[in-house]
Protein backbone atom coordinates (compact mmCIF):
# COMPACT_ATOMS: atom_id res chain seq x y z
CA UNK A 1 0.00 0.00 0.00
CA UNK A 2 1.27 3.46 -0.90
CA UNK A 3 0.22 6.05 1.69
CA UNK A 4 0.19 9.67 0.69
CA UNK A 5 0.84 12.13 3.48
CA UNK A 6 -0.77 15.53 3.37
CA UNK A 7 -0.19 18.29 5.88
CA UNK A 8 -2.58 21.17 5.24
CA UNK A 9 -1.80 24.51 6.90
CA UNK A 10 -3.75 27.75 6.84
CA UNK A 11 -2.24 30.60 4.84
CA UNK A 12 -4.90 33.29 5.03
CA UNK A 13 -8.56 34.00 4.46
CA UNK A 14 -9.62 33.83 0.81
CA UNK A 15 -10.63 37.50 1.00
CA UNK A 16 -7.01 38.47 1.78
CA UNK A 17 -6.10 37.62 -1.82
CA UNK A 18 -7.63 40.04 -4.34
CA UNK A 19 -9.61 38.59 -7.23
CA UNK A 20 -7.30 38.35 -10.26
CA UNK A 21 -4.36 38.91 -7.91
CA UNK A 22 -1.79 37.09 -5.82
CA UNK A 23 -0.01 36.96 -2.50
CA UNK A 24 3.38 35.44 -1.73
CA UNK A 25 4.36 33.08 1.03
CA UNK A 26 7.77 31.74 1.92
CA UNK A 27 8.40 28.17 3.01
CA UNK A 28 12.06 27.63 3.71
CA UNK A 29 13.90 28.58 0.55
CA UNK A 30 10.73 28.35 -1.55
CA UNK A 31 8.79 31.46 -2.54
CA UNK A 32 5.25 30.54 -3.52
CA UNK A 33 2.70 32.72 -5.28
CA UNK A 34 -0.93 32.05 -4.35
CA UNK A 35 -3.32 33.25 -7.06
CA UNK A 36 -7.07 33.93 -6.96
CA UNK A 37 -9.02 34.05 -10.20
CA UNK A 38 -12.08 36.19 -10.94
CA UNK A 39 -14.31 33.22 -10.10
CA UNK A 40 -12.51 32.51 -6.78
CA UNK A 41 -10.45 29.50 -7.84
CA UNK A 42 -7.05 29.40 -6.18
CA UNK A 43 -3.71 28.09 -7.36
CA UNK A 44 -0.20 27.96 -5.94
CA UNK A 45 2.91 28.18 -8.11
CA UNK A 46 6.60 28.72 -7.60
CA UNK A 47 7.02 32.50 -7.79
CA UNK A 48 9.48 32.59 -10.67
CA UNK A 49 8.91 32.50 -14.37
CA UNK A 50 10.78 29.70 -16.18
CA UNK A 51 12.12 32.25 -18.66
CA UNK A 52 14.15 34.70 -16.56
CA UNK A 53 12.86 34.08 -13.01
CA UNK A 54 10.42 37.02 -13.15
CA UNK A 55 8.06 37.37 -10.16
CA UNK A 56 4.84 35.72 -11.33
CA UNK A 57 3.05 37.09 -8.25
CA UNK A 58 3.34 40.54 -9.82
CA UNK A 59 1.86 39.40 -13.13
CA UNK A 60 -1.61 39.77 -14.61
CA UNK A 61 -4.09 36.97 -13.81
CA UNK A 62 -6.46 36.14 -16.68
CA UNK A 63 -8.29 33.16 -18.18
CA UNK A 64 -6.71 30.59 -15.84
CA UNK A 65 -3.21 31.93 -16.51
CA UNK A 66 -0.75 34.52 -15.25
CA UNK A 67 1.35 36.71 -17.53
CA UNK A 68 4.87 37.37 -16.29
CA UNK A 69 5.52 41.11 -15.78
CA UNK A 70 9.02 40.95 -17.26
CA UNK A 71 8.67 39.43 -20.73
CA UNK A 72 4.97 38.54 -21.07
CA UNK A 73 5.31 34.78 -20.85
CA UNK A 74 1.92 33.21 -20.11
CA UNK A 75 1.86 30.42 -17.50
CA UNK A 76 -1.08 28.10 -16.80
CA UNK A 77 -2.17 28.40 -13.17
CA UNK A 78 -3.40 24.81 -13.20
CA UNK A 79 -0.38 23.05 -14.70
CA UNK A 80 2.49 25.53 -14.36
CA UNK A 81 3.23 25.06 -18.09
CA UNK A 82 4.26 27.93 -20.37
CA UNK A 83 1.62 28.55 -23.02
CA UNK A 84 1.87 29.22 -26.75
CA UNK A 85 5.26 28.83 -28.39
CA UNK A 86 7.15 29.29 -25.09
CA UNK A 87 8.55 26.23 -23.34
CA UNK A 88 9.11 25.63 -19.65
CA UNK A 89 7.21 25.09 -16.46
CA UNK A 90 7.11 26.06 -12.81
CA UNK A 91 6.33 23.92 -9.79
CA UNK A 92 2.69 23.77 -8.71
CA UNK A 93 1.54 23.07 -5.15
CA UNK A 94 -1.66 21.50 -3.75
CA UNK A 95 -3.96 24.18 -2.38
CA UNK A 96 -7.57 24.32 -1.25
CA UNK A 97 -10.21 26.44 0.46
CA UNK A 98 -11.64 25.14 3.75
CA UNK A 99 -14.24 27.20 5.62
CA UNK A 100 -13.14 30.37 3.82
CA UNK A 101 -9.44 29.81 4.57
CA UNK A 102 -6.77 29.14 1.97
CA UNK A 103 -4.71 26.07 2.87
CA UNK A 104 -1.59 24.63 1.29
CA UNK A 105 -0.14 21.15 1.59
CA UNK A 106 3.32 21.70 3.04
CA UNK A 107 4.23 18.02 2.62
CA UNK A 108 4.84 18.69 -1.10
CA UNK A 109 6.83 21.87 -0.38
CA UNK A 110 9.11 20.27 2.19
CA UNK A 111 9.22 16.85 0.50
C-alpha atoms as a PDB file:
ATOM      1  CA  UNK A   1       0.000   0.000   0.000  1.00  0.00           C
ATOM      2  CA  UNK A   2       1.267   3.456  -0.903  1.00  0.00           C
ATOM      3  CA  UNK A   3       0.220   6.048   1.686  1.00  0.00           C
ATOM      4  CA  UNK A   4       0.188   9.675   0.686  1.00  0.00           C
ATOM      5  CA  UNK A   5       0.843  12.134   3.476  1.00  0.00           C
ATOM      6  CA  UNK A   6      -0.770  15.530   3.371  1.00  0.00           C
ATOM      7  CA  UNK A   7      -0.189  18.285   5.876  1.00  0.00           C
ATOM      8  CA  UNK A   8      -2.584  21.167   5.240  1.00  0.00           C
ATOM      9  CA  UNK A   9      -1.803  24.506   6.901  1.00  0.00           C
ATOM     10  CA  UNK A  10      -3.752  27.752   6.839  1.00  0.00           C
ATOM     11  CA  UNK A  11      -2.235  30.602   4.842  1.00  0.00           C
ATOM     12  CA  UNK A  12      -4.898  33.293   5.027  1.00  0.00           C
ATOM     13  CA  UNK A  13      -8.559  33.996   4.456  1.00  0.00           C
ATOM     14  CA  UNK A  14      -9.624  33.831   0.814  1.00  0.00           C
ATOM     15  CA  UNK A  15     -10.634  37.499   0.997  1.00  0.00           C
ATOM     16  CA  UNK A  16      -7.012  38.468   1.777  1.00  0.00           C
ATOM     17  CA  UNK A  17      -6.100  37.620  -1.825  1.00  0.00           C
ATOM     18  CA  UNK A  18      -7.632  40.037  -4.343  1.00  0.00           C
ATOM     19  CA  UNK A  19      -9.609  38.590  -7.233  1.00  0.00           C
ATOM     20  CA  UNK A  20      -7.303  38.347 -10.259  1.00  0.00           C
ATOM     21  CA  UNK A  21      -4.363  38.911  -7.913  1.00  0.00           C
ATOM     22  CA  UNK A  22      -1.786  37.093  -5.822  1.00  0.00           C
ATOM     23  CA  UNK A  23      -0.005  36.959  -2.504  1.00  0.00           C
ATOM     24  CA  UNK A  24       3.385  35.444  -1.730  1.00  0.00           C
ATOM     25  CA  UNK A  25       4.364  33.084   1.030  1.00  0.00           C
ATOM     26  CA  UNK A  26       7.771  31.739   1.921  1.00  0.00           C
ATOM     27  CA  UNK A  27       8.396  28.170   3.015  1.00  0.00           C
ATOM     28  CA  UNK A  28      12.058  27.626   3.713  1.00  0.00           C
ATOM     29  CA  UNK A  29      13.898  28.577   0.548  1.00  0.00           C
ATOM     30  CA  UNK A  30      10.729  28.349  -1.550  1.00  0.00           C
ATOM     31  CA  UNK A  31       8.793  31.458  -2.545  1.00  0.00           C
ATOM     32  CA  UNK A  32       5.248  30.538  -3.524  1.00  0.00           C
ATOM     33  CA  UNK A  33       2.698  32.716  -5.284  1.00  0.00           C
ATOM     34  CA  UNK A  34      -0.929  32.054  -4.354  1.00  0.00           C
ATOM     35  CA  UNK A  35      -3.323  33.247  -7.064  1.00  0.00           C
ATOM     36  CA  UNK A  36      -7.065  33.934  -6.965  1.00  0.00           C
ATOM     37  CA  UNK A  37      -9.015  34.053 -10.198  1.00  0.00           C
ATOM     38  CA  UNK A  38     -12.080  36.192 -10.943  1.00  0.00           C
ATOM     39  CA  UNK A  39     -14.311  33.217 -10.103  1.00  0.00           C
ATOM     40  CA  UNK A  40     -12.512  32.513  -6.779  1.00  0.00           C
ATOM     41  CA  UNK A  41     -10.452  29.505  -7.837  1.00  0.00           C
ATOM     42  CA  UNK A  42      -7.053  29.404  -6.182  1.00  0.00           C
ATOM     43  CA  UNK A  43      -3.715  28.086  -7.363  1.00  0.00           C
ATOM     44  CA  UNK A  44      -0.198  27.955  -5.941  1.00  0.00           C
ATOM     45  CA  UNK A  45       2.914  28.176  -8.105  1.00  0.00           C
ATOM     46  CA  UNK A  46       6.601  28.719  -7.597  1.00  0.00           C
ATOM     47  CA  UNK A  47       7.019  32.500  -7.790  1.00  0.00           C
ATOM     48  CA  UNK A  48       9.477  32.594 -10.669  1.00  0.00           C
ATOM     49  CA  UNK A  49       8.915  32.504 -14.374  1.00  0.00           C
ATOM     50  CA  UNK A  50      10.779  29.696 -16.185  1.00  0.00           C
ATOM     51  CA  UNK A  51      12.119  32.253 -18.663  1.00  0.00           C
ATOM     52  CA  UNK A  52      14.148  34.703 -16.564  1.00  0.00           C
ATOM     53  CA  UNK A  53      12.859  34.084 -13.006  1.00  0.00           C
ATOM     54  CA  UNK A  54      10.419  37.017 -13.154  1.00  0.00           C
ATOM     55  CA  UNK A  55       8.058  37.373 -10.156  1.00  0.00           C
ATOM     56  CA  UNK A  56       4.839  35.721 -11.328  1.00  0.00           C
ATOM     57  CA  UNK A  57       3.051  37.090  -8.246  1.00  0.00           C
ATOM     58  CA  UNK A  58       3.338  40.544  -9.821  1.00  0.00           C
ATOM     59  CA  UNK A  59       1.856  39.396 -13.128  1.00  0.00           C
ATOM     60  CA  UNK A  60      -1.612  39.768 -14.607  1.00  0.00           C
ATOM     61  CA  UNK A  61      -4.087  36.966 -13.807  1.00  0.00           C
ATOM     62  CA  UNK A  62      -6.462  36.139 -16.683  1.00  0.00           C
ATOM     63  CA  UNK A  63      -8.287  33.165 -18.182  1.00  0.00           C
ATOM     64  CA  UNK A  64      -6.709  30.592 -15.840  1.00  0.00           C
ATOM     65  CA  UNK A  65      -3.214  31.934 -16.510  1.00  0.00           C
ATOM     66  CA  UNK A  66      -0.752  34.517 -15.250  1.00  0.00           C
ATOM     67  CA  UNK A  67       1.347  36.710 -17.533  1.00  0.00           C
ATOM     68  CA  UNK A  68       4.873  37.374 -16.287  1.00  0.00           C
ATOM     69  CA  UNK A  69       5.518  41.105 -15.777  1.00  0.00           C
ATOM     70  CA  UNK A  70       9.024  40.948 -17.265  1.00  0.00           C
ATOM     71  CA  UNK A  71       8.671  39.426 -20.729  1.00  0.00           C
ATOM     72  CA  UNK A  72       4.969  38.545 -21.074  1.00  0.00           C
ATOM     73  CA  UNK A  73       5.314  34.781 -20.846  1.00  0.00           C
ATOM     74  CA  UNK A  74       1.919  33.214 -20.112  1.00  0.00           C
ATOM     75  CA  UNK A  75       1.861  30.424 -17.503  1.00  0.00           C
ATOM     76  CA  UNK A  76      -1.085  28.100 -16.805  1.00  0.00           C
ATOM     77  CA  UNK A  77      -2.168  28.402 -13.173  1.00  0.00           C
ATOM     78  CA  UNK A  78      -3.402  24.805 -13.196  1.00  0.00           C
ATOM     79  CA  UNK A  79      -0.377  23.051 -14.701  1.00  0.00           C
ATOM     80  CA  UNK A  80       2.494  25.534 -14.360  1.00  0.00           C
ATOM     81  CA  UNK A  81       3.231  25.060 -18.090  1.00  0.00           C
ATOM     82  CA  UNK A  82       4.257  27.925 -20.367  1.00  0.00           C
ATOM     83  CA  UNK A  83       1.617  28.550 -23.018  1.00  0.00           C
ATOM     84  CA  UNK A  84       1.869  29.220 -26.751  1.00  0.00           C
ATOM     85  CA  UNK A  85       5.262  28.833 -28.388  1.00  0.00           C
ATOM     86  CA  UNK A  86       7.150  29.295 -25.093  1.00  0.00           C
ATOM     87  CA  UNK A  87       8.554  26.229 -23.340  1.00  0.00           C
ATOM     88  CA  UNK A  88       9.111  25.626 -19.653  1.00  0.00           C
ATOM     89  CA  UNK A  89       7.214  25.087 -16.463  1.00  0.00           C
ATOM     90  CA  UNK A  90       7.107  26.059 -12.814  1.00  0.00           C
ATOM     91  CA  UNK A  91       6.330  23.915  -9.789  1.00  0.00           C
ATOM     92  CA  UNK A  92       2.689  23.775  -8.710  1.00  0.00           C
ATOM     93  CA  UNK A  93       1.539  23.074  -5.152  1.00  0.00           C
ATOM     94  CA  UNK A  94      -1.657  21.499  -3.752  1.00  0.00           C
ATOM     95  CA  UNK A  95      -3.956  24.182  -2.385  1.00  0.00           C
ATOM     96  CA  UNK A  96      -7.575  24.323  -1.253  1.00  0.00           C
ATOM     97  CA  UNK A  97     -10.207  26.436   0.463  1.00  0.00           C
ATOM     98  CA  UNK A  98     -11.643  25.136   3.753  1.00  0.00           C
ATOM     99  CA  UNK A  99     -14.237  27.198   5.624  1.00  0.00           C
ATOM    100  CA  UNK A 100     -13.136  30.369   3.817  1.00  0.00           C
ATOM    101  CA  UNK A 101      -9.443  29.809   4.574  1.00  0.00           C
ATOM    102  CA  UNK A 102      -6.768  29.136   1.971  1.00  0.00           C
ATOM    103  CA  UNK A 103      -4.714  26.071   2.873  1.00  0.00           C
ATOM    104  CA  UNK A 104      -1.587  24.631   1.292  1.00  0.00           C
ATOM    105  CA  UNK A 105      -0.139  21.146   1.591  1.00  0.00           C
ATOM    106  CA  UNK A 106       3.320  21.705   3.036  1.00  0.00           C
ATOM    107  CA  UNK A 107       4.233  18.022   2.622  1.00  0.00           C
ATOM    108  CA  UNK A 108       4.840  18.692  -1.098  1.00  0.00           C
ATOM    109  CA  UNK A 109       6.835  21.867  -0.376  1.00  0.00           C
ATOM    110  CA  UNK A 110       9.110  20.269   2.187  1.00  0.00           C
ATOM    111  CA  UNK A 111       9.222  16.853   0.500  1.00  0.00           C
END
